Amino acid sequence: MVKYLVTGVGLSGLLFAVNIHAQQDPTAPLGWQKKTSSVTVSAPSLPQLQSVICDSQACRATLSGKSVTVGSVIRGYTVSRVSDSSVVLTRNQKQWQLSLFSTNIKQ
């Protein structure tokens, strides 16, 4: 009976030691601790231009499923200009031009 008790304690100690080593990087220098990452703020992704509809008065665009006009805000971007084939978005004094048609035309 004593043999089984000692073997059981020995195995549980071995499993505990393995668990400790699995939580640490075995290739890291002794005493080294991983730095905590700082929070990074990323700009929202650009909306996708899906369509532009113009009438005699103004143009409207569909960006990521939402109908917008000049002055509208979508995902943090302000619609600055809508033409018959493109939309200009601004955010933090930067501009992005979204075009309906690709500029890379394959022949």
N, C-alpha and C. Protein backbone atom coordinates (compact mmCIF):
# COMPACT_ATOMS: atom_id res chain seq x y z
N MET A 1 0.82 -1.19 0.00
CA MET A 1 0.00 0.00 0.00
C MET A 1 0.86 1.26 0.00
N VAL A 2 1.96 1.22 0.70
CA VAL A 2 2.84 2.37 0.81
C VAL A 2 3.49 2.66 -0.54
N LYS A 3 3.83 1.65 -1.31
CA LYS A 3 4.46 1.84 -2.62
C LYS A 3 3.54 2.64 -3.54
N TYR A 4 2.27 2.36 -3.55
CA TYR A 4 1.34 3.05 -4.42
C TYR A 4 1.15 4.51 -4.02
N LEU A 5 1.17 4.79 -2.77
CA LEU A 5 1.02 6.14 -2.27
C LEU A 5 2.22 7.00 -2.66
N VAL A 6 3.41 6.47 -2.53
CA VAL A 6 4.63 7.21 -2.88
C VAL A 6 4.67 7.44 -4.38
N THR A 7 4.32 6.45 -5.18
CA THR A 7 4.31 6.59 -6.62
C THR A 7 3.29 7.64 -7.05
N GLY A 8 2.13 7.66 -6.42
CA GLY A 8 1.10 8.64 -6.74
C GLY A 8 1.56 10.04 -6.43
N VAL A 9 2.22 10.25 -5.32
CA VAL A 9 2.72 11.57 -4.94
C VAL A 9 3.82 11.99 -5.90
N GLY A 10 4.67 11.05 -6.27
CA GLY A 10 5.77 11.35 -7.20
C GLY A 10 5.24 11.77 -8.57
N LEU A 11 4.21 11.12 -9.08
CA LEU A 11 3.65 11.48 -10.37
C LEU A 11 2.96 12.83 -10.33
N SER A 12 2.26 13.14 -9.26
CA SER A 12 1.58 14.43 -9.17
C SER A 12 2.61 15.56 -9.08
N GLY A 13 3.72 15.34 -8.41
CA GLY A 13 4.78 16.34 -8.35
C GLY A 13 5.40 16.56 -9.72
N LEU A 14 5.56 15.51 -10.49
CA LEU A 14 6.12 15.61 -11.83
C LEU A 14 5.17 16.38 -12.74
N LEU A 15 3.89 16.13 -12.67
CA LEU A 15 2.92 16.85 -13.48
C LEU A 15 2.89 18.33 -13.11
N PHE A 16 3.03 18.64 -11.83
CA PHE A 16 3.04 20.03 -11.39
C PHE A 16 4.28 20.74 -11.93
N ALA A 17 5.42 20.10 -11.91
CA ALA A 17 6.66 20.70 -12.42
C ALA A 17 6.57 20.94 -13.92
N VAL A 18 5.98 20.03 -14.65
CA VAL A 18 5.83 20.21 -16.09
C VAL A 18 4.92 21.39 -16.39
N ASN A 19 3.88 21.57 -15.61
CA ASN A 19 2.96 22.68 -15.80
C ASN A 19 3.66 24.02 -15.60
N ILE A 20 4.54 24.13 -14.64
CA ILE A 20 5.26 25.36 -14.39
C ILE A 20 6.16 25.70 -15.58
N HIS A 21 6.87 24.74 -16.10
CA HIS A 21 7.77 24.99 -17.22
C HIS A 21 7.02 25.34 -18.50
N ALA A 22 5.81 24.85 -18.65
CA ALA A 22 5.04 25.15 -19.86
C ALA A 22 4.58 26.60 -19.88
N GLN A 23 4.48 27.25 -18.73
CA GLN A 23 4.02 28.62 -18.67
C GLN A 23 5.14 29.62 -18.97
N GLN A 24 6.38 29.21 -19.01
CA GLN A 24 7.51 30.09 -19.24
C GLN A 24 8.15 29.77 -20.58
N ASP A 25 8.82 30.74 -21.17
CA ASP A 25 9.55 30.53 -22.41
C ASP A 25 10.90 29.92 -22.08
N PRO A 26 11.16 28.69 -22.51
CA PRO A 26 12.43 28.05 -22.16
C PRO A 26 13.64 28.69 -22.83
N THR A 27 13.44 29.49 -23.86
CA THR A 27 14.57 30.13 -24.54
C THR A 27 14.85 31.53 -24.02
N ALA A 28 14.03 32.05 -23.12
CA ALA A 28 14.22 33.40 -22.58
C ALA A 28 15.36 33.40 -21.57
N PRO A 29 16.12 34.51 -21.47
CA PRO A 29 17.17 34.61 -20.46
C PRO A 29 16.57 34.53 -19.05
N LEU A 30 17.37 34.11 -18.09
CA LEU A 30 16.88 34.00 -16.72
C LEU A 30 16.47 35.37 -16.19
N GLY A 31 15.35 35.44 -15.54
CA GLY A 31 14.87 36.68 -14.96
C GLY A 31 14.18 37.61 -15.95
N TRP A 32 14.14 37.26 -17.22
CA TRP A 32 13.52 38.11 -18.22
C TRP A 32 12.01 37.98 -18.16
N GLN A 33 11.32 39.12 -18.24
CA GLN A 33 9.86 39.10 -18.24
C GLN A 33 9.36 39.81 -19.48
N LYS A 34 8.31 39.30 -20.05
CA LYS A 34 7.72 39.88 -21.25
C LYS A 34 7.07 41.21 -20.92
N LYS A 35 7.34 42.23 -21.75
CA LYS A 35 6.73 43.54 -21.55
C LYS A 35 5.26 43.49 -21.95
N THR A 36 4.47 44.26 -21.23
CA THR A 36 3.06 44.34 -21.60
C THR A 36 2.92 45.29 -22.78
N SER A 37 2.09 44.94 -23.72
CA SER A 37 1.93 45.78 -24.91
C SER A 37 1.06 46.99 -24.59
N SER A 38 1.39 48.09 -25.22
CA SER A 38 0.59 49.29 -25.04
C SER A 38 -0.61 49.25 -25.98
N VAL A 39 -1.61 50.00 -25.66
CA VAL A 39 -2.83 50.02 -26.45
C VAL A 39 -2.57 50.86 -27.70
N THR A 40 -2.87 50.30 -28.86
CA THR A 40 -2.73 51.04 -30.11
C THR A 40 -4.11 51.35 -30.65
N VAL A 41 -4.26 52.56 -31.15
CA VAL A 41 -5.52 52.98 -31.71
C VAL A 41 -5.36 53.00 -33.22
N SER A 42 -6.19 52.26 -33.91
CA SER A 42 -6.11 52.24 -35.36
C SER A 42 -7.33 52.92 -35.96
N ALA A 43 -7.11 53.51 -37.11
CA ALA A 43 -8.22 54.18 -37.80
C ALA A 43 -9.16 53.13 -38.36
N PRO A 44 -10.44 53.43 -38.38
CA PRO A 44 -11.39 52.49 -38.96
C PRO A 44 -11.07 52.25 -40.44
N SER A 45 -11.43 51.10 -40.94
CA SER A 45 -11.18 50.81 -42.35
C SER A 45 -12.04 51.71 -43.23
N LEU A 46 -11.51 51.99 -44.41
CA LEU A 46 -12.24 52.84 -45.35
C LEU A 46 -13.54 52.17 -45.78
N PRO A 47 -14.60 52.92 -45.89
CA PRO A 47 -15.84 52.36 -46.42
C PRO A 47 -15.66 51.98 -47.89
N GLN A 48 -16.44 51.05 -48.35
CA GLN A 48 -16.36 50.61 -49.74
C GLN A 48 -17.37 51.39 -50.57
N LEU A 49 -16.89 51.99 -51.66
CA LEU A 49 -17.77 52.72 -52.58
C LEU A 49 -18.49 51.71 -53.46
N GLN A 50 -19.82 51.72 -53.40
CA GLN A 50 -20.61 50.74 -54.15
C GLN A 50 -21.33 51.36 -55.33
N SER A 51 -21.80 52.61 -55.18
CA SER A 51 -22.49 53.24 -56.30
C SER A 51 -22.53 54.75 -56.10
N VAL A 52 -22.75 55.45 -57.23
CA VAL A 52 -22.95 56.89 -57.22
C VAL A 52 -24.14 57.19 -58.09
N ILE A 53 -25.07 58.01 -57.59
CA ILE A 53 -26.24 58.41 -58.35
C ILE A 53 -26.29 59.93 -58.36
N CYS A 54 -26.31 60.50 -59.56
CA CYS A 54 -26.36 61.96 -59.71
C CYS A 54 -27.64 62.36 -60.40
N ASP A 55 -28.24 63.45 -59.94
CA ASP A 55 -29.38 64.05 -60.63
C ASP A 55 -29.00 65.49 -60.96
N SER A 56 -29.93 66.29 -61.33
CA SER A 56 -29.63 67.66 -61.74
C SER A 56 -29.16 68.54 -60.57
N GLN A 57 -29.47 68.16 -59.35
CA GLN A 57 -29.12 68.99 -58.19
C GLN A 57 -27.83 68.55 -57.49
N ALA A 58 -27.68 67.27 -57.23
CA ALA A 58 -26.53 66.79 -56.47
C ALA A 58 -26.30 65.31 -56.71
N CYS A 59 -25.17 64.83 -56.20
CA CYS A 59 -24.84 63.40 -56.30
C CYS A 59 -24.91 62.77 -54.91
N ARG A 60 -25.35 61.52 -54.90
CA ARG A 60 -25.38 60.72 -53.68
C ARG A 60 -24.55 59.48 -53.94
N ALA A 61 -23.94 58.96 -52.89
CA ALA A 61 -23.13 57.75 -53.03
C ALA A 61 -23.61 56.70 -52.03
N THR A 62 -23.35 55.46 -52.36
CA THR A 62 -23.61 54.37 -51.44
C THR A 62 -22.26 53.85 -50.97
N LEU A 63 -21.98 54.04 -49.68
CA LEU A 63 -20.73 53.59 -49.08
C LEU A 63 -21.04 52.52 -48.05
N SER A 64 -20.53 51.32 -48.27
CA SER A 64 -20.75 50.19 -47.35
C SER A 64 -22.22 50.02 -46.99
N GLY A 65 -23.08 50.15 -47.99
CA GLY A 65 -24.51 49.91 -47.80
C GLY A 65 -25.30 51.09 -47.27
N LYS A 66 -24.66 52.25 -47.07
CA LYS A 66 -25.38 53.43 -46.56
C LYS A 66 -25.34 54.54 -47.59
N SER A 67 -26.47 55.18 -47.80
CA SER A 67 -26.56 56.29 -48.74
C SER A 67 -26.04 57.56 -48.05
N VAL A 68 -25.09 58.26 -48.71
CA VAL A 68 -24.48 59.45 -48.11
C VAL A 68 -24.44 60.59 -49.12
N THR A 69 -24.36 61.81 -48.59
CA THR A 69 -24.17 63.00 -49.41
C THR A 69 -22.99 63.78 -48.82
N VAL A 70 -22.65 64.89 -49.44
CA VAL A 70 -21.56 65.73 -48.94
C VAL A 70 -21.90 66.18 -47.52
N GLY A 71 -20.96 66.03 -46.61
CA GLY A 71 -21.16 66.39 -45.21
C GLY A 71 -21.54 65.22 -44.32
N SER A 72 -21.92 64.10 -44.89
CA SER A 72 -22.27 62.92 -44.10
C SER A 72 -21.00 62.33 -43.46
N VAL A 73 -21.18 61.67 -42.33
CA VAL A 73 -20.07 61.00 -41.65
C VAL A 73 -20.35 59.51 -41.62
N ILE A 74 -19.37 58.72 -42.05
CA ILE A 74 -19.49 57.27 -42.04
C ILE A 74 -18.17 56.68 -41.55
N ARG A 75 -18.25 55.86 -40.49
CA ARG A 75 -17.09 55.22 -39.87
C ARG A 75 -16.02 56.23 -39.48
N GLY A 76 -16.40 57.43 -39.11
CA GLY A 76 -15.44 58.44 -38.70
C GLY A 76 -14.87 59.27 -39.83
N TYR A 77 -15.25 58.99 -41.06
CA TYR A 77 -14.80 59.75 -42.23
C TYR A 77 -15.92 60.68 -42.68
N THR A 78 -15.56 61.90 -43.07
CA THR A 78 -16.53 62.87 -43.56
C THR A 78 -16.51 62.88 -45.08
N VAL A 79 -17.67 62.84 -45.69
CA VAL A 79 -17.77 62.89 -47.15
C VAL A 79 -17.56 64.34 -47.58
N SER A 80 -16.46 64.60 -48.31
CA SER A 80 -16.12 65.97 -48.73
C SER A 80 -16.63 66.29 -50.13
N ARG A 81 -16.59 65.31 -51.00
CA ARG A 81 -17.00 65.57 -52.38
C ARG A 81 -17.52 64.27 -52.99
N VAL A 82 -18.58 64.41 -53.78
CA VAL A 82 -19.15 63.28 -54.51
C VAL A 82 -19.25 63.69 -55.97
N SER A 83 -18.56 62.96 -56.83
CA SER A 83 -18.67 63.22 -58.27
C SER A 83 -19.33 62.00 -58.93
N ASP A 84 -19.45 62.03 -60.25
CA ASP A 84 -20.15 60.95 -60.94
C ASP A 84 -19.41 59.61 -60.90
N SER A 85 -18.11 59.60 -60.54
CA SER A 85 -17.38 58.33 -60.51
C SER A 85 -16.47 58.17 -59.29
N SER A 86 -16.50 59.12 -58.35
CA SER A 86 -15.64 58.99 -57.17
C SER A 86 -16.20 59.76 -55.98
N VAL A 87 -15.65 59.45 -54.82
CA VAL A 87 -16.02 60.10 -53.57
C VAL A 87 -14.73 60.44 -52.83
N VAL A 88 -14.66 61.64 -52.26
CA VAL A 88 -13.50 62.03 -51.46
C VAL A 88 -13.92 62.07 -50.00
N LEU A 89 -13.17 61.34 -49.17
CA LEU A 89 -13.41 61.28 -47.73
C LEU A 89 -12.28 62.00 -47.01
N THR A 90 -12.58 62.66 -45.89
CA THR A 90 -11.55 63.32 -45.09
C THR A 90 -11.65 62.86 -43.65
N ARG A 91 -10.49 62.85 -43.00
CA ARG A 91 -10.40 62.53 -41.58
C ARG A 91 -9.06 63.05 -41.08
N ASN A 92 -9.07 63.89 -40.06
CA ASN A 92 -7.84 64.45 -39.48
C ASN A 92 -6.96 65.13 -40.52
N GLN A 93 -7.53 65.96 -41.34
CA GLN A 93 -6.84 66.72 -42.39
C GLN A 93 -6.19 65.82 -43.45
N LYS A 94 -6.59 64.57 -43.56
CA LYS A 94 -6.11 63.67 -44.61
C LYS A 94 -7.29 63.34 -45.51
N GLN A 95 -6.99 63.09 -46.79
CA GLN A 95 -8.05 62.80 -47.76
C GLN A 95 -7.82 61.45 -48.43
N TRP A 96 -8.91 60.79 -48.74
CA TRP A 96 -8.89 59.53 -49.49
C TRP A 96 -9.90 59.66 -50.61
N GLN A 97 -9.49 59.25 -51.81
CA GLN A 97 -10.41 59.27 -52.95
C GLN A 97 -10.78 57.83 -53.29
N LEU A 98 -12.07 57.56 -53.22
CA LEU A 98 -12.59 56.25 -53.57
C LEU A 98 -13.16 56.34 -54.97
N SER A 99 -12.75 55.43 -55.83
CA SER A 99 -13.19 55.47 -57.22
C SER A 99 -14.06 54.26 -57.53
N LEU A 100 -15.05 54.48 -58.38
CA LEU A 100 -15.91 53.37 -58.81
C LEU A 100 -15.18 52.43 -59.75
N PHE A 101 -14.30 52.99 -60.55
CA PHE A 101 -13.62 52.20 -61.58
C PHE A 101 -12.14 52.08 -61.28
N SER A 102 -11.60 50.93 -61.53
CA SER A 102 -10.18 50.69 -61.29
C SER A 102 -9.34 51.48 -62.28
N THR A 103 -8.21 52.01 -61.79
CA THR A 103 -7.30 52.73 -62.69
C THR A 103 -6.39 51.77 -63.43
N ASN A 104 -6.30 50.53 -62.97
CA ASN A 104 -5.48 49.52 -63.65
C ASN A 104 -6.37 48.72 -64.60
N ILE A 105 -6.36 49.10 -65.84
CA ILE A 105 -7.18 48.43 -66.84
C ILE A 105 -6.30 47.45 -67.61
N LYS A 106 -6.65 46.18 -67.57
CA LYS A 106 -5.87 45.16 -68.27
C LYS A 106 -6.34 45.07 -69.71
N GLN A 107 -5.39 44.95 -70.60
CA GLN A 107 -5.73 44.82 -72.02
C GLN A 107 -5.30 43.49 -72.57
